[in-house]
C-alpha atoms as a PDB file:
ATOM      1  CA  MET A   1      65.595  18.997  26.844  1.00  0.00           C
ATOM      2  CA  THR A   2      62.189  18.006  25.833  1.00  0.00           C
ATOM      3  CA  LEU A   3      62.672  14.474  27.311  1.00  0.00           C
ATOM      4  CA  GLU A   4      63.890  16.016  30.653  1.00  0.00           C
ATOM      5  CA  ILE A   5      60.734  18.195  30.757  1.00  0.00           C
ATOM      6  CA  LYS A   6      58.472  15.149  29.950  1.00  0.00           C
ATOM      7  CA  ASN A   7      60.090  13.138  32.674  1.00  0.00           C
ATOM      8  CA  THR A   8      59.777  15.907  35.172  1.00  0.00           C
ATOM      9  CA  TRP A   9      55.972  16.284  34.313  1.00  0.00           C
ATOM     10  CA  ASN A  10      55.507  12.430  34.554  1.00  0.00           C
ATOM     11  CA  GLY A  11      57.173  12.361  38.009  1.00  0.00           C
ATOM     12  CA  LEU A  12      55.062  15.184  39.281  1.00  0.00           C
ATOM     13  CA  ASN A  13      51.974  13.623  37.876  1.00  0.00           C
ATOM     14  CA  ARG A  14      52.822  10.233  39.785  1.00  0.00           C
ATOM     15  CA  VAL A  15      53.322  12.277  42.919  1.00  0.00           C
ATOM     16  CA  LEU A  16      50.126  14.223  42.564  1.00  0.00           C
ATOM     17  CA  THR A  17      48.108  10.847  41.882  1.00  0.00           C
ATOM     18  CA  ILE A  18      49.484   9.399  45.185  1.00  0.00           C
ATOM     19  CA  ILE A  19      48.541  12.549  47.110  1.00  0.00           C
ATOM     20  CA  ASN A  20      45.070  12.481  45.804  1.00  0.00           C
ATOM     21  CA  LEU A  21      44.482   8.847  46.592  1.00  0.00           C
ATOM     22  CA  VAL A  22      45.687   9.528  50.166  1.00  0.00           C
ATOM     23  CA  LEU A  23      43.273  12.440  50.482  1.00  0.00           C
ATOM     24  CA  LEU A  24      40.467  10.469  48.983  1.00  0.00           C
ATOM     25  CA  MET A  25      41.303   7.530  51.357  1.00  0.00           C
ATOM     26  CA  VAL A  26      41.035  10.061  54.215  1.00  0.00           C
ATOM     27  CA  LEU A  27      37.721  11.347  53.137  1.00  0.00           C
ATOM     28  CA  THR A  28      36.194   8.046  52.488  1.00  0.00           C
ATOM     29  CA  ALA A  29      38.018   6.214  55.280  1.00  0.00           C
ATOM     30  CA  GLN A  30      38.914   3.277  53.061  1.00  0.00           C
ATOM     31  CA  GLY A  31      42.258   2.006  51.975  1.00  0.00           C
ATOM     32  CA  PHE A  32      43.484   1.612  48.235  1.00  0.00           C
ATOM     33  CA  ASP A  33      45.694  -1.138  46.763  1.00  0.00           C
ATOM     34  CA  TYR A  34      48.767   0.870  45.206  1.00  0.00           C
ATOM     35  CA  LYS A  35      49.430  -2.230  42.860  1.00  0.00           C
ATOM     36  CA  LYS A  36      45.918  -1.802  41.187  1.00  0.00           C
ATOM     37  CA  VAL A  37      46.314   1.885  40.682  1.00  0.00           C
ATOM     38  CA  LYS A  38      50.181   1.892  39.668  1.00  0.00           C
ATOM     39  CA  GLY A  39      49.589   1.723  35.863  1.00  0.00           C
ATOM     40  CA  LYS A  40      46.665   4.299  35.780  1.00  0.00           C
ATOM     41  CA  THR A  41      47.318   7.808  34.344  1.00  0.00           C
ATOM     42  CA  VAL A  42      45.464  10.867  34.886  1.00  0.00           C
ATOM     43  CA  PRO A  43      46.223  14.111  32.930  1.00  0.00           C
ATOM     44  CA  VAL A  44      48.266  16.718  35.075  1.00  0.00           C
ATOM     45  CA  TYR A  45      45.530  19.483  34.824  1.00  0.00           C
ATOM     46  CA  LEU A  46      42.886  16.909  36.144  1.00  0.00           C
ATOM     47  CA  ASN A  47      45.236  15.848  38.898  1.00  0.00           C
ATOM     48  CA  VAL A  48      45.872  19.463  39.943  1.00  0.00           C
ATOM     49  CA  ALA A  49      42.025  20.381  39.980  1.00  0.00           C
ATOM     50  CA  LEU A  50      41.404  17.085  41.941  1.00  0.00           C
ATOM     51  CA  LEU A  51      44.034  18.053  44.357  1.00  0.00           C
ATOM     52  CA  LEU A  52      42.378  21.488  44.922  1.00  0.00           C
ATOM     53  CA  VAL A  53      39.019  19.947  45.412  1.00  0.00           C
ATOM     54  CA  LEU A  54      40.010  17.174  47.675  1.00  0.00           C
ATOM     55  CA  GLY A  55      42.405  19.381  49.770  1.00  0.00           C
ATOM     56  CA  PHE A  56      39.398  21.713  50.240  1.00  0.00           C
ATOM     57  CA  ALA A  57      37.079  18.985  51.258  1.00  0.00           C
ATOM     58  CA  VAL A  58      39.584  17.455  53.732  1.00  0.00           C
ATOM     59  CA  SER A  59      40.287  20.935  55.230  1.00  0.00           C
ATOM     60  CA  ALA A  60      36.635  21.531  55.584  1.00  0.00           C
ATOM     61  CA  THR A  61      35.862  18.197  57.219  1.00  0.00           C
ATOM     62  CA  ILE A  62      38.868  18.650  59.751  1.00  0.00           C
ATOM     63  CA  TYR A  63      37.778  22.110  60.510  1.00  0.00           C
ATOM     64  CA  GLY A  64      34.128  20.855  61.026  1.00  0.00           C
ATOM     65  CA  LEU A  65      35.412  17.973  63.443  1.00  0.00           C
ATOM     66  CA  PHE A  66      37.357  20.459  65.618  1.00  0.00           C
ATOM     67  CA  ARG A  67      34.793  23.412  65.675  1.00  0.00           C
END
Protein backbone atom coordinates (compact mmCIF):
# COMPACT_ATOMS: atom_id res chain seq x y z
CA MET A 1 0.00 0.00 0.00
CA THR A 2 2.75 2.44 0.93
CA LEU A 3 4.70 1.65 -2.21
CA GLU A 4 1.59 2.28 -4.32
CA ILE A 5 1.06 5.69 -2.70
CA LYS A 6 4.72 6.59 -3.22
CA ASN A 7 4.54 5.62 -6.90
CA THR A 8 1.39 7.71 -7.33
CA TRP A 9 3.02 10.77 -5.74
CA ASN A 10 6.16 10.33 -7.84
CA GLY A 11 4.09 10.15 -11.00
CA LEU A 12 2.10 13.22 -9.98
CA ASN A 13 5.31 15.07 -9.20
CA ARG A 14 6.76 14.26 -12.64
CA VAL A 15 3.62 15.50 -14.38
CA LEU A 16 3.59 18.71 -12.31
CA THR A 17 7.23 19.31 -13.17
CA ILE A 18 6.53 18.99 -16.89
CA ILE A 19 3.49 21.29 -16.65
CA ASN A 20 5.55 23.87 -14.76
CA LEU A 21 8.30 23.70 -17.37
CA VAL A 22 5.80 24.25 -20.17
CA LEU A 23 4.28 27.24 -18.34
CA LEU A 24 7.75 28.68 -17.73
CA MET A 25 8.55 28.14 -21.40
CA VAL A 26 5.40 30.09 -22.35
CA LEU A 27 6.29 32.95 -20.01
CA THR A 28 9.92 33.28 -21.05
CA ALA A 29 9.41 32.38 -24.74
CA GLN A 30 12.31 29.91 -24.53
CA GLY A 31 12.49 26.18 -24.96
CA PHE A 32 13.91 23.56 -22.64
CA ASP A 33 15.72 20.30 -23.14
CA TYR A 34 13.78 17.51 -21.44
CA LYS A 35 16.87 15.29 -21.29
CA LYS A 36 18.63 17.81 -19.01
CA VAL A 37 15.63 18.15 -16.71
CA LYS A 38 14.62 14.50 -16.66
CA GLY A 39 16.63 13.51 -13.57
CA LYS A 40 15.85 16.57 -11.46
CA THR A 41 13.33 16.33 -8.63
CA VAL A 42 11.34 19.03 -6.92
CA PRO A 43 9.26 18.42 -3.77
CA VAL A 44 5.54 18.08 -4.44
CA TYR A 45 4.53 21.06 -2.28
CA LEU A 46 6.94 23.35 -4.15
CA ASN A 47 5.67 22.00 -7.46
CA VAL A 48 2.08 22.82 -6.50
CA ALA A 49 3.05 26.32 -5.31
CA LEU A 50 5.02 26.91 -8.51
CA LEU A 51 2.06 25.70 -10.56
CA LEU A 52 -0.21 28.23 -8.85
CA VAL A 53 2.24 31.10 -9.34
CA LEU A 54 3.04 30.27 -12.97
CA GLY A 55 -0.61 29.63 -13.77
CA PHE A 56 -1.54 33.05 -12.38
CA ALA A 57 1.31 34.72 -14.28
CA VAL A 58 0.36 33.10 -17.58
CA SER A 59 -3.32 33.99 -17.02
CA ALA A 60 -2.44 37.60 -16.26
CA THR A 61 -0.18 37.80 -19.31
CA ILE A 62 -2.82 36.35 -21.64
CA TYR A 63 -5.48 38.62 -20.14
CA GLY A 64 -3.20 41.62 -20.67
CA LEU A 65 -2.62 40.68 -24.30
CA PHE A 66 -6.30 40.42 -25.16
CA ARG A 67 -7.54 43.36 -23.11
